[in-house]
Amino acid sequence: MNDWKQDRIGSAERGENPMVLARMRSGFAVIGDTQFLPGYCLLLAFPQVDHLTDLAFTQRGVYLQDMTLIGEAIMQVCQPRRINYEILGNTDHFLHAHIFPRYSWEPADRQGSPIWLYPDSYWSDPNHAYLDEKYGELRKRLAEVLLTRMRSLNVLPD
């Protein structure tokens, strides 16, 4: 049922990854598996590489531009106070960027801290797990806004 999670990028390419918002020039925009910060998304590089520096120099810029387009969509749809962009690669050894909305309603002790300092329980809480019934409209709206912005800039993938 969740076989796509074993190969998120390959399943996106095959049209089997249900989290995909849009195909972009540098990869796939996807909504996060957890939504304790509603609108959390990622950019999965395609073709798959290990590091940002594995991309050709000009493609690195395209990847970072695509990342910011996802951030713009999150800003418009979710209206957070800011967006955090992170490229880590410590757990999943393929290039992917995390795009986190940050909200004024977050606990005060979390607002100035990196997202990764939230307790593990936030990441695994079933109440925050992506479910289409709960977050499907958010996913749909993010996809619509992202695609509209990509069209307006004429940056749709070939």
C-alpha atoms as a PDB file:
ATOM      1  CA  MET A   1       0.000   0.000   0.000  1.00  0.00           C
ATOM      2  CA  ASN A   2       2.848   2.414   0.827  1.00  0.00           C
ATOM      3  CA  ASP A   3       5.369   0.810  -1.548  1.00  0.00           C
ATOM      4  CA  TRP A   4       5.984   4.238  -3.069  1.00  0.00           C
ATOM      5  CA  LYS A   5       7.747   5.257   0.177  1.00  0.00           C
ATOM      6  CA  GLN A   6      10.555   2.803  -0.589  1.00  0.00           C
ATOM      7  CA  ASP A   7      11.434   4.788  -3.727  1.00  0.00           C
ATOM      8  CA  ARG A   8       9.923   8.245  -3.422  1.00  0.00           C
ATOM      9  CA  ILE A   9      11.649   9.687  -6.483  1.00  0.00           C
ATOM     10  CA  GLY A  10      11.111   6.669  -8.762  1.00  0.00           C
ATOM     11  CA  SER A  11       7.473   6.442  -7.693  1.00  0.00           C
ATOM     12  CA  ALA A  12       7.046  10.157  -8.437  1.00  0.00           C
ATOM     13  CA  GLU A  13       8.508   9.654 -11.901  1.00  0.00           C
ATOM     14  CA  ARG A  14       6.122   6.734 -12.497  1.00  0.00           C
ATOM     15  CA  GLY A  15       3.124   8.755 -11.259  1.00  0.00           C
ATOM     16  CA  GLU A  16       2.679   6.484  -8.214  1.00  0.00           C
ATOM     17  CA  ASN A  17       3.694   8.877  -5.415  1.00  0.00           C
ATOM     18  CA  PRO A  18       0.453  10.353  -4.008  1.00  0.00           C
ATOM     19  CA  MET A  19       2.309  13.194  -2.282  1.00  0.00           C
ATOM     20  CA  VAL A  20       3.417  14.912  -5.500  1.00  0.00           C
ATOM     21  CA  LEU A  21       2.204  18.468  -5.909  1.00  0.00           C
ATOM     22  CA  ALA A  22       3.947  19.160  -9.215  1.00  0.00           C
ATOM     23  CA  ARG A  23       6.750  18.116 -11.520  1.00  0.00           C
ATOM     24  CA  MET A  24       9.261  20.954 -11.563  1.00  0.00           C
ATOM     25  CA  ARG A  25      12.334  21.673 -13.687  1.00  0.00           C
ATOM     26  CA  SER A  26      14.656  20.189 -11.064  1.00  0.00           C
ATOM     27  CA  GLY A  27      12.497  17.486  -9.536  1.00  0.00           C
ATOM     28  CA  PHE A  28       9.233  16.892  -7.729  1.00  0.00           C
ATOM     29  CA  ALA A  29       7.464  19.108  -5.213  1.00  0.00           C
ATOM     30  CA  VAL A  30       5.790  16.917  -2.583  1.00  0.00           C
ATOM     31  CA  ILE A  31       3.790  17.570   0.554  1.00  0.00           C
ATOM     32  CA  GLY A  32       5.360  16.218   3.740  1.00  0.00           C
ATOM     33  CA  ASP A  33       4.327  12.977   5.410  1.00  0.00           C
ATOM     34  CA  THR A  34       3.724  14.945   8.611  1.00  0.00           C
ATOM     35  CA  GLN A  35       1.821  18.188   8.806  1.00  0.00           C
ATOM     36  CA  PHE A  36       2.341  19.423  12.375  1.00  0.00           C
ATOM     37  CA  LEU A  37       3.341  22.623  10.577  1.00  0.00           C
ATOM     38  CA  PRO A  38       0.629  22.742   7.885  1.00  0.00           C
ATOM     39  CA  GLY A  39       2.064  23.205   4.422  1.00  0.00           C
ATOM     40  CA  TYR A  40       5.406  21.471   5.059  1.00  0.00           C
ATOM     41  CA  CYS A  41       6.760  20.393   1.663  1.00  0.00           C
ATOM     42  CA  LEU A  42       9.907  18.996   0.096  1.00  0.00           C
ATOM     43  CA  LEU A  43      11.663  19.201  -3.254  1.00  0.00           C
ATOM     44  CA  LEU A  44      13.027  15.847  -4.424  1.00  0.00           C
ATOM     45  CA  ALA A  45      15.778  16.262  -7.010  1.00  0.00           C
ATOM     46  CA  PHE A  46      15.311  14.469 -10.323  1.00  0.00           C
ATOM     47  CA  PRO A  47      17.342  12.945 -11.750  1.00  0.00           C
ATOM     48  CA  GLN A  48      18.405  11.619  -8.367  1.00  0.00           C
ATOM     49  CA  VAL A  49      21.788  12.787  -7.091  1.00  0.00           C
ATOM     50  CA  ASP A  50      23.435  12.633  -3.672  1.00  0.00           C
ATOM     51  CA  HIS A  51      24.512  16.245  -3.188  1.00  0.00           C
ATOM     52  CA  LEU A  52      23.655  19.713  -4.478  1.00  0.00           C
ATOM     53  CA  THR A  53      27.205  19.903  -5.830  1.00  0.00           C
ATOM     54  CA  ASP A  54      26.549  16.790  -7.957  1.00  0.00           C
ATOM     55  CA  LEU A  55      24.350  18.966 -10.171  1.00  0.00           C
ATOM     56  CA  ALA A  56      25.835  20.992 -13.017  1.00  0.00           C
ATOM     57  CA  PHE A  57      26.482  24.549 -11.870  1.00  0.00           C
ATOM     58  CA  THR A  58      23.512  26.057 -13.744  1.00  0.00           C
ATOM     59  CA  GLN A  59      21.202  23.262 -12.555  1.00  0.00           C
ATOM     60  CA  ARG A  60      22.043  24.112  -8.931  1.00  0.00           C
ATOM     61  CA  GLY A  61      20.477  27.528  -9.463  1.00  0.00           C
ATOM     62  CA  VAL A  62      17.389  25.966 -11.032  1.00  0.00           C
ATOM     63  CA  TYR A  63      17.035  23.646  -8.032  1.00  0.00           C
ATOM     64  CA  LEU A  64      17.247  26.539  -5.588  1.00  0.00           C
ATOM     65  CA  GLN A  65      14.795  28.613  -7.644  1.00  0.00           C
ATOM     66  CA  ASP A  66      12.323  25.722  -7.663  1.00  0.00           C
ATOM     67  CA  MET A  67      12.713  25.445  -3.901  1.00  0.00           C
ATOM     68  CA  THR A  68      11.730  29.097  -3.502  1.00  0.00           C
ATOM     69  CA  LEU A  69       8.691  28.643  -5.752  1.00  0.00           C
ATOM     70  CA  ILE A  70       7.413  26.014  -3.322  1.00  0.00           C
ATOM     71  CA  GLY A  71       8.038  28.516  -0.526  1.00  0.00           C
ATOM     72  CA  GLU A  72       6.011  31.142  -2.394  1.00  0.00           C
ATOM     73  CA  ALA A  73       3.092  28.731  -2.735  1.00  0.00           C
ATOM     74  CA  ILE A  74       3.227  27.903   0.981  1.00  0.00           C
ATOM     75  CA  MET A  75       3.314  31.618   1.841  1.00  0.00           C
ATOM     76  CA  GLN A  76       0.270  32.327  -0.297  1.00  0.00           C
ATOM     77  CA  VAL A  77      -1.799  29.345   0.843  1.00  0.00           C
ATOM     78  CA  CYS A  78      -0.815  29.041   4.523  1.00  0.00           C
ATOM     79  CA  GLN A  79       0.303  32.579   5.361  1.00  0.00           C
ATOM     80  CA  PRO A  80       3.004  31.639   7.866  1.00  0.00           C
ATOM     81  CA  ARG A  81       5.229  34.295   9.443  1.00  0.00           C
ATOM     82  CA  ARG A  82       8.253  32.928   7.556  1.00  0.00           C
ATOM     83  CA  ILE A  83       9.634  29.998   5.571  1.00  0.00           C
ATOM     84  CA  ASN A  84      12.673  27.913   6.541  1.00  0.00           C
ATOM     85  CA  TYR A  85      14.603  26.159   3.759  1.00  0.00           C
ATOM     86  CA  GLU A  86      16.904  23.267   4.633  1.00  0.00           C
ATOM     87  CA  ILE A  87      19.031  20.829   2.644  1.00  0.00           C
ATOM     88  CA  LEU A  88      20.431  18.169   4.945  1.00  0.00           C
ATOM     89  CA  GLY A  89      20.837  14.647   3.551  1.00  0.00           C
ATOM     90  CA  ASN A  90      21.768  12.989   6.827  1.00  0.00           C
ATOM     91  CA  THR A  91      19.001  10.373   6.852  1.00  0.00           C
ATOM     92  CA  ASP A  92      17.897  10.085   3.227  1.00  0.00           C
ATOM     93  CA  HIS A  93      21.010  10.021   1.074  1.00  0.00           C
ATOM     94  CA  PHE A  94      19.607  11.800  -1.951  1.00  0.00           C
ATOM     95  CA  LEU A  95      19.242  15.499  -2.645  1.00  0.00           C
ATOM     96  CA  HIS A  96      16.047  16.866  -1.181  1.00  0.00           C
ATOM     97  CA  ALA A  97      15.109  20.182   0.365  1.00  0.00           C
ATOM     98  CA  HIS A  98      12.734  20.722   3.277  1.00  0.00           C
ATOM     99  CA  ILE A  99      10.484  23.777   3.048  1.00  0.00           C
ATOM    100  CA  PHE A 100       8.968  24.519   6.453  1.00  0.00           C
ATOM    101  CA  PRO A 101       6.369  27.169   7.189  1.00  0.00           C
ATOM    102  CA  ARG A 102       6.878  28.748  10.604  1.00  0.00           C
ATOM    103  CA  TYR A 103       3.910  30.162  12.472  1.00  0.00           C
ATOM    104  CA  SER A 104       3.319  32.704  15.225  1.00  0.00           C
ATOM    105  CA  TRP A 105       1.103  30.127  17.001  1.00  0.00           C
ATOM    106  CA  GLU A 106       4.049  27.766  17.535  1.00  0.00           C
ATOM    107  CA  PRO A 107       5.172  27.460  21.181  1.00  0.00           C
ATOM    108  CA  ALA A 108       7.377  30.432  22.106  1.00  0.00           C
ATOM    109  CA  ASP A 109      10.307  28.156  22.961  1.00  0.00           C
ATOM    110  CA  ARG A 110      10.170  26.674  19.429  1.00  0.00           C
ATOM    111  CA  GLN A 111       9.815  29.832  17.353  1.00  0.00           C
ATOM    112  CA  GLY A 112      13.499  30.719  17.339  1.00  0.00           C
ATOM    113  CA  SER A 113      14.773  27.158  17.156  1.00  0.00           C
ATOM    114  CA  PRO A 114      15.485  24.853  14.238  1.00  0.00           C
ATOM    115  CA  ILE A 115      12.549  22.663  13.325  1.00  0.00           C
ATOM    116  CA  TRP A 116      14.535  19.545  14.199  1.00  0.00           C
ATOM    117  CA  LEU A 117      14.425  20.462  17.897  1.00  0.00           C
ATOM    118  CA  TYR A 118      10.724  19.661  18.045  1.00  0.00           C
ATOM    119  CA  PRO A 119      10.283  16.447  20.065  1.00  0.00           C
ATOM    120  CA  ASP A 120      10.104  13.179  18.121  1.00  0.00           C
ATOM    121  CA  SER A 121       6.465  12.898  19.149  1.00  0.00           C
ATOM    122  CA  TYR A 122       5.555  15.778  16.823  1.00  0.00           C
ATOM    123  CA  TRP A 123       7.028  13.925  13.850  1.00  0.00           C
ATOM    124  CA  SER A 124       5.332  10.616  14.614  1.00  0.00           C
ATOM    125  CA  ASP A 125       1.994  11.778  16.044  1.00  0.00           C
ATOM    126  CA  PRO A 126      -0.789  10.127  13.993  1.00  0.00           C
ATOM    127  CA  ASN A 127      -2.853  13.310  14.407  1.00  0.00           C
ATOM    128  CA  HIS A 128      -0.321  15.116  12.203  1.00  0.00           C
ATOM    129  CA  ALA A 129       0.250  12.338   9.661  1.00  0.00           C
ATOM    130  CA  TYR A 130      -0.737  13.291   6.139  1.00  0.00           C
ATOM    131  CA  LEU A 131      -4.157  11.885   5.331  1.00  0.00           C
ATOM    132  CA  ASP A 132      -5.927  12.918   2.169  1.00  0.00           C
ATOM    133  CA  GLU A 133      -9.191  13.265   4.112  1.00  0.00           C
ATOM    134  CA  LYS A 134      -7.556  15.763   6.457  1.00  0.00           C
ATOM    135  CA  TYR A 135      -4.991  17.547   4.270  1.00  0.00           C
ATOM    136  CA  GLY A 136      -6.192  16.846   0.731  1.00  0.00           C
ATOM    137  CA  GLU A 137      -7.620  20.327   0.234  1.00  0.00           C
ATOM    138  CA  LEU A 138      -4.375  21.885   1.444  1.00  0.00           C
ATOM    139  CA  ARG A 139      -2.406  19.672  -0.947  1.00  0.00           C
ATOM    140  CA  LYS A 140      -4.721  20.587  -3.827  1.00  0.00           C
ATOM    141  CA  ARG A 141      -4.475  24.317  -3.107  1.00  0.00           C
ATOM    142  CA  LEU A 142      -0.664  24.201  -2.815  1.00  0.00           C
ATOM    143  CA  ALA A 143      -0.474  22.371  -6.152  1.00  0.00           C
ATOM    144  CA  GLU A 144      -2.781  24.896  -7.855  1.00  0.00           C
ATOM    145  CA  VAL A 145      -0.879  27.921  -6.577  1.00  0.00           C
ATOM    146  CA  LEU A 146       2.494  26.358  -7.403  1.00  0.00           C
ATOM    147  CA  LEU A 147       1.466  25.461 -10.959  1.00  0.00           C
ATOM    148  CA  THR A 148      -0.056  28.910 -11.511  1.00  0.00           C
ATOM    149  CA  ARG A 149       3.177  30.563 -10.381  1.00  0.00           C
ATOM    150  CA  MET A 150       5.284  28.267 -12.557  1.00  0.00           C
ATOM    151  CA  ARG A 151       3.108  29.110 -15.577  1.00  0.00           C
ATOM    152  CA  SER A 152       3.319  32.857 -14.871  1.00  0.00           C
ATOM    153  CA  LEU A 153       7.117  32.642 -14.841  1.00  0.00           C
ATOM    154  CA  ASN A 154       7.215  30.246 -17.785  1.00  0.00           C
ATOM    155  CA  VAL A 155       9.244  27.729 -15.778  1.00  0.00           C
ATOM    156  CA  LEU A 156       7.290  24.552 -16.434  1.00  0.00           C
ATOM    157  CA  PRO A 157       9.446  21.460 -16.970  1.00  0.00           C
ATOM    158  CA  ASP A 158      10.122  20.354 -20.535  1.00  0.00           C
END
